[in-house]
């Protein structure tokens, strides 16, 4: 095992005499044995051998030329300082390398939320945000390497470049829960979102329909198919969240009662005769789901009603214009 005064030029030109050879840096006198390992194929990696509690340990400091000689020496000094504090950098490195990537951790997080009974519509929102905005950017990295500055930049891009301030705020909620989950699993020591404010301020839009407007929309529903007609009638007559209505199951509907179970506190809703009649018409039609009341496919609740809502709104406006 040759001992040389390593320089950048020397590291670049070293060739092993056998299949693989290690060259020690004679000029490194901070402690331990620092050097570079050169493989038969020419790959070079810096290493440090040190003693901890009477045992010799080895740690890889990085590959050349991604890590320069000066950077490797600086890393070696950091390792020796950690050893002086009683830590084991080699064990820490092994733990870091075996830790899940952000993509893997997102999968674990989603499964944990599903097991805890998170509302299915909310779970889909979480998964959609992570798959679209987080995994493509940070997927191959470790969760502990993602800092507050990067998170802020991501949320600001969503809020301002994409023009989706509401989505940015929702994304912050998901990331906060993701990092809290990481903290509980000891994947991160602290949550970088704890001091990170919301990326934008939302202005809630509240619109109350008059009785006359409700009557006009109710009449327009007669021109829709039985599924959309029943869905919007139940929405109008119960005042429940769209996500709860869209995931309604037949087993939870009993005569004039509907048990809302996908809710923090399960509760029953009274169904007025018009709502019960709309559901009966749907049940008797080919479009009535077998499990979910409002289904687009077997076992899948309806997931998108904006198109129907927009169509009804446009027809309502057209009706008002004609009346004016």
Protein backbone atom coordinates (compact mmCIF):
# COMPACT_ATOMS: atom_id res chain seq x y z
CA UNK A 1 0.00 0.00 0.00
CA UNK A 2 2.03 2.95 -1.29
CA UNK A 3 2.32 6.13 0.77
CA UNK A 4 2.57 9.29 -1.33
CA UNK A 5 2.12 13.04 -1.10
CA UNK A 6 -1.18 13.23 -2.95
CA UNK A 7 -1.88 16.09 -5.35
CA UNK A 8 -4.74 16.62 -7.78
CA UNK A 9 -2.45 15.72 -10.69
CA UNK A 10 -1.28 12.57 -8.96
CA UNK A 11 -4.79 11.44 -8.05
CA UNK A 12 -5.84 11.92 -11.67
CA UNK A 13 -2.96 9.84 -13.07
CA UNK A 14 -2.61 7.05 -10.49
CA UNK A 15 -2.88 3.54 -11.92
CA UNK A 16 -3.17 0.31 -9.87
CA UNK A 17 -0.55 -2.38 -10.33
CA UNK A 18 -3.15 -5.09 -9.68
CA UNK A 19 -6.94 -5.25 -9.78
CA UNK A 20 -7.36 -2.54 -7.17
CA UNK A 21 -4.94 -0.52 -5.07
CA UNK A 22 -5.04 2.01 -2.26
CA UNK A 23 -2.69 4.98 -2.02
CA UNK A 24 -2.24 6.72 1.33
CA UNK A 25 -1.68 10.44 1.66
CA UNK A 26 1.58 10.98 3.54
CA UNK A 27 0.88 14.71 3.92
CA UNK A 28 -2.37 14.16 5.89
CA UNK A 29 -1.34 14.33 9.54
CA UNK A 30 -4.61 15.16 11.30
CA UNK A 31 -5.08 11.54 12.38
CA UNK A 32 -6.19 8.25 10.90
CA UNK A 33 -5.20 7.09 7.43
CA UNK A 34 -6.50 9.17 4.52
CA UNK A 35 -6.08 8.08 0.91
CA UNK A 36 -7.59 7.20 -2.43
CA UNK A 37 -8.64 3.78 -3.74
CA UNK A 38 -8.17 3.20 -7.47
CA UNK A 39 -10.11 0.38 -9.10
CA UNK A 40 -9.08 -1.70 -12.10
CA UNK A 41 -11.48 0.28 -14.27
CA UNK A 42 -9.98 3.58 -13.15
CA UNK A 43 -12.68 4.59 -10.69
CA UNK A 44 -11.26 6.61 -7.79
CA UNK A 45 -12.74 7.06 -4.31
CA UNK A 46 -11.33 8.78 -1.23
CA UNK A 47 -11.42 7.01 2.13
CA UNK A 48 -10.42 7.45 5.76
CA UNK A 49 -9.49 4.75 8.26
CA UNK A 50 -9.88 5.79 11.89
CA UNK A 51 -10.07 4.20 15.35
CA UNK A 52 -13.12 4.34 17.61
CA UNK A 53 -13.14 2.61 20.99
CA UNK A 54 -10.11 0.58 19.98
CA UNK A 55 -11.63 -0.65 16.71
CA UNK A 56 -10.51 0.29 13.20
CA UNK A 57 -13.27 1.67 11.00
CA UNK A 58 -13.41 2.81 7.39
CA UNK A 59 -15.54 5.44 5.72
CA UNK A 60 -15.82 6.49 2.07
CA UNK A 61 -15.54 10.25 1.55
CA UNK A 62 -16.63 10.52 -2.09
CA UNK A 63 -15.65 9.69 -5.62
CA UNK A 64 -13.12 11.63 -7.65
CA UNK A 65 -13.54 13.95 -9.58
CA UNK A 66 -17.03 14.70 -8.17
CA UNK A 67 -15.24 15.24 -4.86
CA UNK A 68 -11.86 16.96 -5.21
CA UNK A 69 -8.79 16.16 -3.13
CA UNK A 70 -9.22 19.30 -1.01
CA UNK A 71 -12.91 18.52 -0.43
CA UNK A 72 -12.06 14.96 0.59
CA UNK A 73 -9.47 16.21 3.07
CA UNK A 74 -12.04 18.60 4.54
CA UNK A 75 -14.51 15.75 4.90
CA UNK A 76 -11.85 13.64 6.59
CA UNK A 77 -11.32 16.39 9.16
CA UNK A 78 -15.09 16.55 9.80
CA UNK A 79 -15.10 12.79 10.40
CA UNK A 80 -12.24 13.03 12.86
CA UNK A 81 -14.00 15.84 14.73
CA UNK A 82 -17.13 13.69 14.98
CA UNK A 83 -15.04 10.79 16.30
CA UNK A 84 -13.53 13.09 18.91
CA UNK A 85 -17.11 13.86 20.03
CA UNK A 86 -17.76 10.14 20.47
CA UNK A 87 -19.82 9.64 17.30
CA UNK A 88 -19.42 6.87 14.73
CA UNK A 89 -19.49 8.51 11.25
CA UNK A 90 -19.15 5.13 9.53
CA UNK A 91 -22.32 3.85 11.18
CA UNK A 92 -24.08 7.14 10.42
CA UNK A 93 -23.09 6.80 6.78
CA UNK A 94 -24.50 3.27 6.61
CA UNK A 95 -27.74 4.46 8.19
CA UNK A 96 -27.97 7.34 5.71
CA UNK A 97 -27.38 5.08 2.72
CA UNK A 98 -30.03 2.60 3.84
CA UNK A 99 -32.61 5.34 4.52
CA UNK A 100 -35.61 5.52 2.20
CA UNK A 101 -35.57 8.01 -0.64
CA UNK A 102 -38.19 10.76 -0.79
CA UNK A 103 -40.16 8.71 -3.33
CA UNK A 104 -40.10 5.63 -1.10
CA UNK A 105 -40.97 7.69 1.95
CA UNK A 106 -43.93 9.31 0.17
CA UNK A 107 -45.25 5.80 -0.51
CA UNK A 108 -44.89 4.89 3.17
CA UNK A 109 -46.62 8.12 4.17
CA UNK A 110 -49.61 7.46 1.90
CA UNK A 111 -49.97 3.91 3.21
CA UNK A 112 -49.84 5.21 6.79
CA UNK A 113 -52.60 7.75 6.05
CA UNK A 114 -54.70 5.05 4.40
CA UNK A 115 -54.26 2.76 7.41
CA UNK A 116 -55.30 5.58 9.75
CA UNK A 117 -58.55 5.96 7.82
CA UNK A 118 -57.90 9.27 6.09
CA UNK A 119 -60.85 10.29 3.96
CA UNK A 120 -60.41 8.72 0.48
CA UNK A 121 -60.89 12.01 -1.40
CA UNK A 122 -58.27 13.68 0.82
CA UNK A 123 -55.94 10.74 0.37
CA UNK A 124 -56.23 11.10 -3.41
CA UNK A 125 -55.38 14.80 -3.15
CA UNK A 126 -52.30 14.00 -1.05
CA UNK A 127 -51.14 11.34 -3.49
CA UNK A 128 -51.75 13.52 -6.55
CA UNK A 129 -49.71 16.39 -5.07
CA UNK A 130 -46.80 14.14 -4.08
CA UNK A 131 -46.69 12.32 -7.42
CA UNK A 132 -46.96 15.49 -9.50
CA UNK A 133 -44.98 18.09 -7.55
CA UNK A 134 -42.67 16.34 -5.07
CA UNK A 135 -41.40 13.02 -6.44
CA UNK A 136 -40.28 14.40 -9.86
CA UNK A 137 -38.18 17.06 -8.07
CA UNK A 138 -36.81 15.30 -4.96
CA UNK A 139 -37.67 11.64 -5.51
CA UNK A 140 -34.14 10.21 -5.54
CA UNK A 141 -32.91 12.25 -2.56
CA UNK A 142 -33.16 11.62 1.17
CA UNK A 143 -35.86 13.37 3.18
CA UNK A 144 -33.32 14.81 5.63
CA UNK A 145 -31.55 16.63 2.78
CA UNK A 146 -34.61 18.72 1.89
CA UNK A 147 -34.44 22.11 3.60
CA UNK A 148 -36.85 24.98 4.22
CA UNK A 149 -35.41 27.08 1.38
CA UNK A 150 -36.07 24.38 -1.23
CA UNK A 151 -39.56 23.79 0.11
CA UNK A 152 -40.31 27.51 -0.03
CA UNK A 153 -39.08 27.69 -3.64
CA UNK A 154 -41.27 24.74 -4.65
CA UNK A 155 -44.40 26.23 -3.08
CA UNK A 156 -43.72 29.67 -4.56
CA UNK A 157 -43.38 28.16 -8.05
CA UNK A 158 -46.77 26.51 -7.62
CA UNK A 159 -48.37 29.67 -6.23
CA UNK A 160 -46.95 32.27 -8.61
CA UNK A 161 -45.45 30.66 -11.73
CA UNK A 162 -48.27 28.16 -12.09
CA UNK A 163 -50.82 30.57 -10.68
CA UNK A 164 -52.24 28.12 -8.12
CA UNK A 165 -52.05 29.78 -4.68
CA UNK A 166 -54.69 27.48 -3.20
CA UNK A 167 -52.79 24.40 -4.37
CA UNK A 168 -49.59 25.82 -2.88
CA UNK A 169 -51.28 26.19 0.50
CA UNK A 170 -52.70 22.69 0.28
CA UNK A 171 -49.26 21.42 -0.69
CA UNK A 172 -47.76 23.02 2.39
CA UNK A 173 -50.23 21.08 4.54
CA UNK A 174 -49.24 17.79 2.87
CA UNK A 175 -45.51 18.49 3.20
CA UNK A 176 -45.93 19.48 6.84
CA UNK A 177 -47.62 16.17 7.59
CA UNK A 178 -45.04 14.29 5.52
CA UNK A 179 -42.15 15.75 7.54
CA UNK A 180 -43.98 15.22 10.82
CA UNK A 181 -44.34 11.59 9.80
CA UNK A 182 -40.61 11.60 8.98
CA UNK A 183 -39.83 13.02 12.41
CA UNK A 184 -41.86 10.28 14.08
CA UNK A 185 -39.85 7.71 12.10
CA UNK A 186 -36.57 9.50 12.95
CA UNK A 187 -35.92 10.11 9.25
CA UNK A 188 -35.47 13.81 10.05
CA UNK A 189 -34.49 15.52 13.29
CA UNK A 190 -36.82 18.49 12.83
CA UNK A 191 -39.63 19.68 10.58
CA UNK A 192 -38.35 22.39 8.17
CA UNK A 193 -41.92 23.69 7.73
CA UNK A 194 -42.37 24.54 11.41
CA UNK A 195 -41.31 28.16 10.78
CA UNK A 196 -42.44 28.35 7.15
CA UNK A 197 -45.51 30.52 6.58
CA UNK A 198 -48.19 29.83 3.99
CA UNK A 199 -47.00 30.80 0.49
CA UNK A 200 -50.10 32.83 -0.30
CA UNK A 201 -53.23 34.29 1.24
CA UNK A 202 -56.51 32.82 0.09
CA UNK A 203 -59.59 34.93 -0.35
CA UNK A 204 -62.59 32.71 0.28
CA UNK A 205 -65.45 33.16 -2.15
CA UNK A 206 -68.87 32.57 -0.62
CA UNK A 207 -71.96 32.74 -2.77
CA UNK A 208 -75.47 32.10 -1.51
CA UNK A 209 -78.13 31.26 -4.06
CA UNK A 210 -81.57 32.81 -3.72
CA UNK A 211 -84.69 30.64 -3.59
CA UNK A 212 -85.54 31.72 -7.14
CA UNK A 213 -82.08 30.72 -8.40
CA UNK A 214 -82.31 27.35 -6.66
CA UNK A 215 -85.69 26.78 -8.28
CA UNK A 216 -84.29 27.60 -11.73
CA UNK A 217 -81.29 25.27 -11.27
CA UNK A 218 -83.59 22.55 -9.98
CA UNK A 219 -85.57 22.78 -13.19
CA UNK A 220 -82.40 22.58 -15.28
CA UNK A 221 -81.48 19.31 -13.57
CA UNK A 222 -84.40 17.58 -15.30
CA UNK A 223 -82.42 17.88 -18.54
CA UNK A 224 -79.40 16.04 -17.07
CA UNK A 225 -78.94 12.27 -16.97
CA UNK A 226 -80.19 10.41 -13.92
CA UNK A 227 -76.76 10.19 -12.22
CA UNK A 228 -75.92 13.91 -12.43
CA UNK A 229 -79.51 14.80 -11.59
CA UNK A 230 -79.49 12.70 -8.41
CA UNK A 231 -76.01 13.85 -7.40
CA UNK A 232 -76.80 17.56 -7.58
CA UNK A 233 -80.18 17.16 -5.94
CA UNK A 234 -78.58 15.42 -2.97
CA UNK A 235 -75.91 18.11 -2.82
CA UNK A 236 -78.51 20.90 -2.85
CA UNK A 237 -80.87 19.22 -0.37
CA UNK A 238 -78.35 18.00 2.21
CA UNK A 239 -75.76 20.80 2.13
CA UNK A 240 -73.00 18.25 2.68
CA UNK A 241 -69.46 18.44 1.32
CA UNK A 242 -69.15 17.29 -2.32
CA UNK A 243 -66.49 14.75 -1.31
CA UNK A 244 -68.85 13.11 1.20
CA UNK A 245 -71.74 12.98 -1.26
CA UNK A 246 -69.58 11.68 -4.11
CA UNK A 247 -68.39 8.75 -1.94
CA UNK A 248 -71.84 7.87 -0.59
CA UNK A 249 -72.45 4.09 -0.43
CA UNK A 250 -75.78 2.31 -0.82
CA UNK A 251 -75.24 0.38 2.41
CA UNK A 252 -75.26 3.69 4.30
CA UNK A 253 -78.64 4.78 2.88
CA UNK A 254 -81.70 3.62 4.81
CA UNK A 255 -85.08 5.05 3.77
CA UNK A 256 -84.88 8.68 4.92
CA UNK A 257 -81.45 8.46 6.57
CA UNK A 258 -77.89 8.59 5.27
CA UNK A 259 -74.98 7.66 7.52
CA UNK A 260 -71.92 9.77 6.65
CA UNK A 261 -69.01 7.57 7.72
CA UNK A 262 -66.05 9.18 5.90
CA UNK A 263 -65.95 12.03 8.35
CA UNK A 264 -63.98 12.79 11.53
CA UNK A 265 -67.21 12.10 13.46
CA UNK A 266 -69.63 9.72 11.67
CA UNK A 267 -73.17 11.09 11.75
CA UNK A 268 -76.56 10.68 10.13
CA UNK A 269 -78.23 13.06 7.68
CA UNK A 270 -82.00 13.25 7.27
CA UNK A 271 -83.05 12.85 3.64
CA UNK A 272 -86.07 14.90 2.63
CA UNK A 273 -88.53 13.09 0.32
CA UNK A 274 -87.13 14.77 -2.82
CA UNK A 275 -83.61 13.53 -2.02
CA UNK A 276 -84.81 10.01 -1.22
CA UNK A 277 -86.82 9.95 -4.47
CA UNK A 278 -83.79 11.06 -6.53
CA UNK A 279 -81.73 8.23 -5.01
CA UNK A 280 -84.47 5.67 -5.69
CA UNK A 281 -84.63 6.75 -9.35
CA UNK A 282 -80.87 6.31 -9.61
CA UNK A 283 -80.95 2.91 -7.90
CA UNK A 284 -83.54 1.66 -10.42
CA UNK A 285 -81.51 2.92 -13.40
CA UNK A 286 -78.53 1.26 -15.15
CA UNK A 287 -76.33 4.13 -13.97
CA UNK A 288 -76.76 3.36 -10.29
CA UNK A 289 -73.56 1.92 -8.81
CA UNK A 290 -73.49 -1.40 -6.98
CA UNK A 291 -71.35 -0.17 -4.07
CA UNK A 292 -70.90 3.58 -4.44
CA UNK A 293 -74.12 5.42 -5.19
CA UNK A 294 -72.50 7.76 -7.71
CA UNK A 295 -70.05 5.55 -9.59
CA UNK A 296 -68.21 6.01 -12.90
CA UNK A 297 -66.99 2.39 -12.85
CA UNK A 298 -67.54 -0.63 -10.57
CA UNK A 299 -65.94 0.06 -7.21
CA UNK A 300 -64.96 3.63 -8.16
CA UNK A 301 -66.91 6.70 -6.98
CA UNK A 302 -67.44 9.60 -9.33
CA UNK A 303 -64.38 11.83 -9.07
CA UNK A 304 -65.00 14.85 -11.31
CA UNK A 305 -68.14 16.98 -11.41
CA UNK A 306 -66.73 20.36 -12.43
CA UNK A 307 -67.78 19.85 -16.03
CA UNK A 308 -71.41 19.27 -15.02
CA UNK A 309 -71.32 22.20 -12.58
CA UNK A 310 -69.91 24.49 -15.28
CA UNK A 311 -72.55 23.33 -17.76
CA UNK A 312 -75.36 24.00 -15.28
CA UNK A 313 -73.93 27.42 -14.47
CA UNK A 314 -73.72 28.38 -18.15
CA UNK A 315 -77.30 27.22 -18.79
CA UNK A 316 -78.44 29.12 -15.71
CA UNK A 317 -76.79 32.31 -16.94
CA UNK A 318 -78.31 31.81 -20.39
CA UNK A 319 -81.73 31.41 -18.79
CA UNK A 320 -81.31 34.60 -16.78
CA UNK A 321 -80.24 36.51 -19.89
CA UNK A 322 -83.30 35.33 -21.78
CA UNK A 323 -85.56 36.32 -18.89
CA UNK A 324 -83.88 39.75 -18.72
